[in-house]
Amino acid sequence: MKRRWMILSMLLLTFLVLSAQGLPSCEQTYTIRYNDVTIGKVTAYDNPDGWTCQQNYSYSSASAHPKEGPTLQDSVAQFWLFQGSNGLCLFSVFGLEVNSSQGTAKVDYRLSGNGANGKVMLSDDNGELTEPSTDFFKGRWAWGDNTDGGVIGPLSGSDWVMEIDVIEMTGSLNAIAFTSGNGIPIPI
């Protein structure tokens, strides 16, 4: 049963699209669509202390410790936007810094649109989040007792689309959420 749900989740995310119109900001609403149907709207997490995206990820002890973002959970793959002092960034974090957390995740990201731009800003474990070609990113993570993940950004341009394909999730992960800046998750 668990495997069946994960396959269903992966199929849902294969068509998950995050899009923006207008210049990035904390107040802007970003649309999440599945098969051209809006399933939710999110905002970026605010940045009251002026952190860069990398500072907000707060990588230490081989794990993410986000200053602004959702509360990390061992069983939930987390995605969210953060308005860093160096631009709007997409965060992806898997697992939790606990003794029981382990697993793998394979995720592809495609960025397109008018003036779309982005780079790998941080890879939690060097080389696990890469940009093999322009505006195409691959995350291939494996973790044990820690988190894994990364940051893509700054996302710029006035109209852009980010397609997120979750190809595989194993281990303790059994849910996926894209969390809005107000802390409300949109389960996928």
C-alpha atoms as a PDB file:
ATOM      1  CA  MET A   1       0.000   0.000   0.000  1.00  0.00           C
ATOM      2  CA  LYS A   2       2.779   2.428   0.886  1.00  0.00           C
ATOM      3  CA  ARG A   3       4.520   1.843  -2.448  1.00  0.00           C
ATOM      4  CA  ARG A   4       1.267   2.435  -4.324  1.00  0.00           C
ATOM      5  CA  TRP A   5       0.762   5.792  -2.603  1.00  0.00           C
ATOM      6  CA  MET A   6       4.321   6.822  -3.406  1.00  0.00           C
ATOM      7  CA  ILE A   7       3.798   5.990  -7.069  1.00  0.00           C
ATOM      8  CA  LEU A   8       0.591   8.028  -7.072  1.00  0.00           C
ATOM      9  CA  SER A   9       2.452  10.923  -5.432  1.00  0.00           C
ATOM     10  CA  MET A  10       5.188  10.714  -8.022  1.00  0.00           C
ATOM     11  CA  LEU A  11       2.642  10.783 -10.824  1.00  0.00           C
ATOM     12  CA  LEU A  12       1.022  13.842  -9.287  1.00  0.00           C
ATOM     13  CA  LEU A  13       4.328  15.632  -9.006  1.00  0.00           C
ATOM     14  CA  THR A  14       5.380  14.696 -12.502  1.00  0.00           C
ATOM     15  CA  PHE A  15       2.947  17.372 -13.631  1.00  0.00           C
ATOM     16  CA  LEU A  16       3.364  19.798 -10.729  1.00  0.00           C
ATOM     17  CA  VAL A  17       4.012  23.289 -12.019  1.00  0.00           C
ATOM     18  CA  LEU A  18       5.012  26.358 -10.014  1.00  0.00           C
ATOM     19  CA  SER A  19       4.536  29.595 -11.941  1.00  0.00           C
ATOM     20  CA  ALA A  20       5.029  33.307 -11.437  1.00  0.00           C
ATOM     21  CA  GLN A  21       3.893  36.446 -13.172  1.00  0.00           C
ATOM     22  CA  GLY A  22       5.543  39.712 -12.253  1.00  0.00           C
ATOM     23  CA  LEU A  23       8.778  40.355 -10.402  1.00  0.00           C
ATOM     24  CA  PRO A  24       9.517  38.174  -7.336  1.00  0.00           C
ATOM     25  CA  SER A  25       8.587  39.425  -3.856  1.00  0.00           C
ATOM     26  CA  CYS A  26       7.318  38.094  -0.518  1.00  0.00           C
ATOM     27  CA  GLU A  27       3.866  39.506  -1.215  1.00  0.00           C
ATOM     28  CA  GLN A  28       3.549  37.857  -4.621  1.00  0.00           C
ATOM     29  CA  THR A  29       1.386  34.769  -4.935  1.00  0.00           C
ATOM     30  CA  TYR A  30       2.778  31.809  -6.866  1.00  0.00           C
ATOM     31  CA  THR A  31       0.415  29.277  -8.404  1.00  0.00           C
ATOM     32  CA  ILE A  32       0.771  25.497  -8.120  1.00  0.00           C
ATOM     33  CA  ARG A  33      -1.053  23.585 -10.859  1.00  0.00           C
ATOM     34  CA  TYR A  34      -1.669  19.945 -11.653  1.00  0.00           C
ATOM     35  CA  ASN A  35      -2.865  19.175 -15.203  1.00  0.00           C
ATOM     36  CA  ASP A  36      -3.748  22.865 -15.716  1.00  0.00           C
ATOM     37  CA  VAL A  37      -5.963  22.911 -12.601  1.00  0.00           C
ATOM     38  CA  THR A  38      -4.873  25.192  -9.757  1.00  0.00           C
ATOM     39  CA  ILE A  39      -4.424  23.109  -6.600  1.00  0.00           C
ATOM     40  CA  GLY A  40      -3.029  25.907  -4.467  1.00  0.00           C
ATOM     41  CA  LYS A  41      -1.321  29.251  -4.198  1.00  0.00           C
ATOM     42  CA  VAL A  42       1.769  29.953  -2.128  1.00  0.00           C
ATOM     43  CA  THR A  43       3.822  32.939  -1.063  1.00  0.00           C
ATOM     44  CA  ALA A  44       7.514  33.037  -0.237  1.00  0.00           C
ATOM     45  CA  TYR A  45       8.685  32.981   3.360  1.00  0.00           C
ATOM     46  CA  ASP A  46       9.545  36.475   4.547  1.00  0.00           C
ATOM     47  CA  ASN A  47      13.092  37.485   5.441  1.00  0.00           C
ATOM     48  CA  PRO A  48      12.973  39.882   8.409  1.00  0.00           C
ATOM     49  CA  ASP A  49      16.679  39.437   9.213  1.00  0.00           C
ATOM     50  CA  GLY A  50      18.114  39.941   5.703  1.00  0.00           C
ATOM     51  CA  TRP A  51      19.609  36.448   5.239  1.00  0.00           C
ATOM     52  CA  THR A  52      20.850  35.130   1.929  1.00  0.00           C
ATOM     53  CA  CYS A  53      19.229  31.920   0.730  1.00  0.00           C
ATOM     54  CA  GLN A  54      22.327  29.972   1.752  1.00  0.00           C
ATOM     55  CA  GLN A  55      22.283  31.494   5.250  1.00  0.00           C
ATOM     56  CA  ASN A  56      18.599  30.616   5.593  1.00  0.00           C
ATOM     57  CA  TYR A  57      19.308  26.943   4.736  1.00  0.00           C
ATOM     58  CA  SER A  58      21.749  27.020   7.665  1.00  0.00           C
ATOM     59  CA  TYR A  59      23.715  23.899   6.724  1.00  0.00           C
ATOM     60  CA  SER A  60      25.520  22.436   9.728  1.00  0.00           C
ATOM     61  CA  SER A  61      26.139  18.979  11.187  1.00  0.00           C
ATOM     62  CA  ALA A  62      25.394  17.547   7.697  1.00  0.00           C
ATOM     63  CA  SER A  63      21.779  18.821   7.857  1.00  0.00           C
ATOM     64  CA  ALA A  64      19.536  21.753   6.987  1.00  0.00           C
ATOM     65  CA  HIS A  65      18.391  23.935   9.884  1.00  0.00           C
ATOM     66  CA  PRO A  66      16.203  26.497   8.079  1.00  0.00           C
ATOM     67  CA  LYS A  67      15.761  29.789   9.881  1.00  0.00           C
ATOM     68  CA  GLU A  68      12.589  30.609   7.892  1.00  0.00           C
ATOM     69  CA  GLY A  69      10.566  27.757   6.420  1.00  0.00           C
ATOM     70  CA  PRO A  70       8.365  24.861   7.457  1.00  0.00           C
ATOM     71  CA  THR A  71       9.128  22.643  10.428  1.00  0.00           C
ATOM     72  CA  LEU A  72      11.059  19.723   8.972  1.00  0.00           C
ATOM     73  CA  GLN A  73       9.567  16.256   9.395  1.00  0.00           C
ATOM     74  CA  ASP A  74      11.200  12.862   8.933  1.00  0.00           C
ATOM     75  CA  SER A  75       8.432  11.513   6.693  1.00  0.00           C
ATOM     76  CA  VAL A  76       7.672  14.604   4.534  1.00  0.00           C
ATOM     77  CA  ALA A  77       9.552  15.841   1.468  1.00  0.00           C
ATOM     78  CA  GLN A  78       9.402  19.633   1.901  1.00  0.00           C
ATOM     79  CA  PHE A  79       9.387  22.306  -0.824  1.00  0.00           C
ATOM     80  CA  TRP A  80       9.066  26.072  -0.215  1.00  0.00           C
ATOM     81  CA  LEU A  81      10.019  29.504  -1.546  1.00  0.00           C
ATOM     82  CA  PHE A  82      12.132  32.008   0.399  1.00  0.00           C
ATOM     83  CA  GLN A  83      12.819  35.644  -0.468  1.00  0.00           C
ATOM     84  CA  GLY A  84      16.517  35.924   0.365  1.00  0.00           C
ATOM     85  CA  SER A  85      18.566  39.100   0.276  1.00  0.00           C
ATOM     86  CA  ASN A  86      20.109  37.580  -2.874  1.00  0.00           C
ATOM     87  CA  GLY A  87      16.764  36.775  -4.559  1.00  0.00           C
ATOM     88  CA  LEU A  88      13.826  34.379  -4.587  1.00  0.00           C
ATOM     89  CA  CYS A  89      14.884  30.756  -4.018  1.00  0.00           C
ATOM     90  CA  LEU A  90      13.269  27.318  -4.145  1.00  0.00           C
ATOM     91  CA  PHE A  91      14.155  25.066  -1.192  1.00  0.00           C
ATOM     92  CA  SER A  92      13.887  21.258  -1.249  1.00  0.00           C
ATOM     93  CA  VAL A  93      14.616  19.300   1.946  1.00  0.00           C
ATOM     94  CA  PHE A  94      14.231  15.584   2.635  1.00  0.00           C
ATOM     95  CA  GLY A  95      14.520  13.777   5.967  1.00  0.00           C
ATOM     96  CA  LEU A  96      15.272  15.012   9.460  1.00  0.00           C
ATOM     97  CA  GLU A  97      18.338  15.123  11.665  1.00  0.00           C
ATOM     98  CA  VAL A  98      17.410  12.096  13.790  1.00  0.00           C
ATOM     99  CA  ASN A  99      18.837   8.616  14.180  1.00  0.00           C
ATOM    100  CA  SER A 100      16.001   6.962  12.247  1.00  0.00           C
ATOM    101  CA  SER A 101      15.988   9.205   9.174  1.00  0.00           C
ATOM    102  CA  GLN A 102      17.243   7.565   6.001  1.00  0.00           C
ATOM    103  CA  GLY A 103      16.242   7.317   2.383  1.00  0.00           C
ATOM    104  CA  THR A 104      16.766   8.484  -1.167  1.00  0.00           C
ATOM    105  CA  ALA A 105      15.052  10.974  -3.447  1.00  0.00           C
ATOM    106  CA  LYS A 106      15.388  11.663  -7.162  1.00  0.00           C
ATOM    107  CA  VAL A 107      13.936  14.970  -8.351  1.00  0.00           C
ATOM    108  CA  ASP A 108      14.202  16.804 -11.685  1.00  0.00           C
ATOM    109  CA  TYR A 109      13.470  20.528 -12.010  1.00  0.00           C
ATOM    110  CA  ARG A 110      12.853  22.405 -15.277  1.00  0.00           C
ATOM    111  CA  LEU A 111      12.812  26.206 -15.327  1.00  0.00           C
ATOM    112  CA  SER A 112      11.405  28.068 -18.316  1.00  0.00           C
ATOM    113  CA  GLY A 113       9.796  31.357 -19.256  1.00  0.00           C
ATOM    114  CA  ASN A 114      10.446  34.984 -20.032  1.00  0.00           C
ATOM    115  CA  GLY A 115      13.822  35.890 -18.533  1.00  0.00           C
ATOM    116  CA  ALA A 116      13.813  32.775 -16.339  1.00  0.00           C
ATOM    117  CA  ASN A 117      17.076  32.351 -14.533  1.00  0.00           C
ATOM    118  CA  GLY A 118      18.401  30.203 -11.711  1.00  0.00           C
ATOM    119  CA  LYS A 119      21.459  28.275 -10.544  1.00  0.00           C
ATOM    120  CA  VAL A 120      22.301  25.738  -7.854  1.00  0.00           C
ATOM    121  CA  MET A 121      22.943  27.996  -4.880  1.00  0.00           C
ATOM    122  CA  LEU A 122      23.499  25.211  -2.339  1.00  0.00           C
ATOM    123  CA  SER A 123      23.724  21.433  -2.463  1.00  0.00           C
ATOM    124  CA  ASP A 124      23.391  19.696   0.924  1.00  0.00           C
ATOM    125  CA  ASP A 125      26.207  17.235   0.285  1.00  0.00           C
ATOM    126  CA  ASN A 126      28.254  18.597  -2.559  1.00  0.00           C
ATOM    127  CA  GLY A 127      27.279  17.364  -6.007  1.00  0.00           C
ATOM    128  CA  GLU A 128      23.860  15.903  -5.157  1.00  0.00           C
ATOM    129  CA  LEU A 129      21.997  18.872  -6.696  1.00  0.00           C
ATOM    130  CA  THR A 130      23.410  19.756 -10.111  1.00  0.00           C
ATOM    131  CA  GLU A 131      22.567  21.739 -13.250  1.00  0.00           C
ATOM    132  CA  PRO A 132      23.565  19.389 -16.103  1.00  0.00           C
ATOM    133  CA  SER A 133      22.202  21.833 -18.700  1.00  0.00           C
ATOM    134  CA  THR A 134      20.808  25.363 -18.744  1.00  0.00           C
ATOM    135  CA  ASP A 135      17.689  25.622 -16.570  1.00  0.00           C
ATOM    136  CA  PHE A 136      17.553  21.848 -15.937  1.00  0.00           C
ATOM    137  CA  PHE A 137      18.439  20.663 -12.431  1.00  0.00           C
ATOM    138  CA  LYS A 138      18.841  17.153 -10.999  1.00  0.00           C
ATOM    139  CA  GLY A 139      18.692  16.214  -7.340  1.00  0.00           C
ATOM    140  CA  ARG A 140      19.997  12.751  -6.488  1.00  0.00           C
ATOM    141  CA  TRP A 141      20.025  12.481  -2.717  1.00  0.00           C
ATOM    142  CA  ALA A 142      20.817   9.685  -0.263  1.00  0.00           C
ATOM    143  CA  TRP A 143      20.855  10.355   3.474  1.00  0.00           C
ATOM    144  CA  GLY A 144      21.140   8.604   6.787  1.00  0.00           C
ATOM    145  CA  ASP A 145      20.454  10.216  10.179  1.00  0.00           C
ATOM    146  CA  ASN A 146      20.438  13.697   8.556  1.00  0.00           C
ATOM    147  CA  THR A 147      18.669  15.789   5.947  1.00  0.00           C
ATOM    148  CA  ASP A 148      19.476  16.201   2.292  1.00  0.00           C
ATOM    149  CA  GLY A 149      18.350  18.864  -0.120  1.00  0.00           C
ATOM    150  CA  GLY A 150      19.343  22.076  -1.791  1.00  0.00           C
ATOM    151  CA  VAL A 151      18.497  25.554  -3.022  1.00  0.00           C
ATOM    152  CA  ILE A 152      17.848  26.770  -6.590  1.00  0.00           C
ATOM    153  CA  GLY A 153      17.821  30.489  -7.304  1.00  0.00           C
ATOM    154  CA  PRO A 154      17.690  33.325  -7.602  1.00  0.00           C
ATOM    155  CA  LEU A 155      14.527  32.822  -9.630  1.00  0.00           C
ATOM    156  CA  SER A 156      14.185  35.935 -11.730  1.00  0.00           C
ATOM    157  CA  GLY A 157      12.287  37.149 -14.736  1.00  0.00           C
ATOM    158  CA  SER A 158       8.725  38.369 -14.940  1.00  0.00           C
ATOM    159  CA  ASP A 159       7.002  35.171 -16.127  1.00  0.00           C
ATOM    160  CA  TRP A 160       8.523  31.808 -15.309  1.00  0.00           C
ATOM    161  CA  VAL A 161       7.504  28.223 -14.733  1.00  0.00           C
ATOM    162  CA  MET A 162       9.269  25.598 -12.599  1.00  0.00           C
ATOM    163  CA  GLU A 163       8.259  21.991 -13.278  1.00  0.00           C
ATOM    164  CA  ILE A 164       9.115  19.634 -10.416  1.00  0.00           C
ATOM    165  CA  ASP A 165       9.265  15.898 -11.162  1.00  0.00           C
ATOM    166  CA  VAL A 166       9.683  13.599  -8.165  1.00  0.00           C
ATOM    167  CA  ILE A 167      10.986  10.445  -9.805  1.00  0.00           C
ATOM    168  CA  GLU A 168      11.652   8.371  -6.691  1.00  0.00           C
ATOM    169  CA  MET A 169      11.331   8.527  -2.903  1.00  0.00           C
ATOM    170  CA  THR A 170      12.418   5.741  -0.558  1.00  0.00           C
ATOM    171  CA  GLY A 171      12.950   5.204   3.143  1.00  0.00           C
ATOM    172  CA  SER A 172      11.012   7.166   5.718  1.00  0.00           C
ATOM    173  CA  LEU A 173       9.356   9.548   3.210  1.00  0.00           C
ATOM    174  CA  ASN A 174       5.623   8.978   2.774  1.00  0.00           C
ATOM    175  CA  ALA A 175       4.308  12.481   2.006  1.00  0.00           C
ATOM    176  CA  ILE A 176       5.150  15.558  -0.064  1.00  0.00           C
ATOM    177  CA  ALA A 177       4.205  19.147   0.781  1.00  0.00           C
ATOM    178  CA  PHE A 178       4.751  22.560  -0.769  1.00  0.00           C
ATOM    179  CA  THR A 179       4.480  25.012   2.131  1.00  0.00           C
ATOM    180  CA  SER A 180       3.406  28.625   1.745  1.00  0.00           C
ATOM    181  CA  GLY A 181       5.115  31.525   3.499  1.00  0.00           C
ATOM    182  CA  ASN A 182       2.209  31.652   5.959  1.00  0.00           C
ATOM    183  CA  GLY A 183       3.178  28.152   7.153  1.00  0.00           C
ATOM    184  CA  ILE A 184       0.224  26.349   5.581  1.00  0.00           C
ATOM    185  CA  PRO A 185       1.286  23.236   3.627  1.00  0.00           C
ATOM    186  CA  ILE A 186      -0.373  22.150   0.404  1.00  0.00           C
ATOM    187  CA  PRO A 187      -0.191  18.338   0.485  1.00  0.00           C
ATOM    188  CA  ILE A 188       0.668  16.847  -2.874  1.00  0.00           C
END
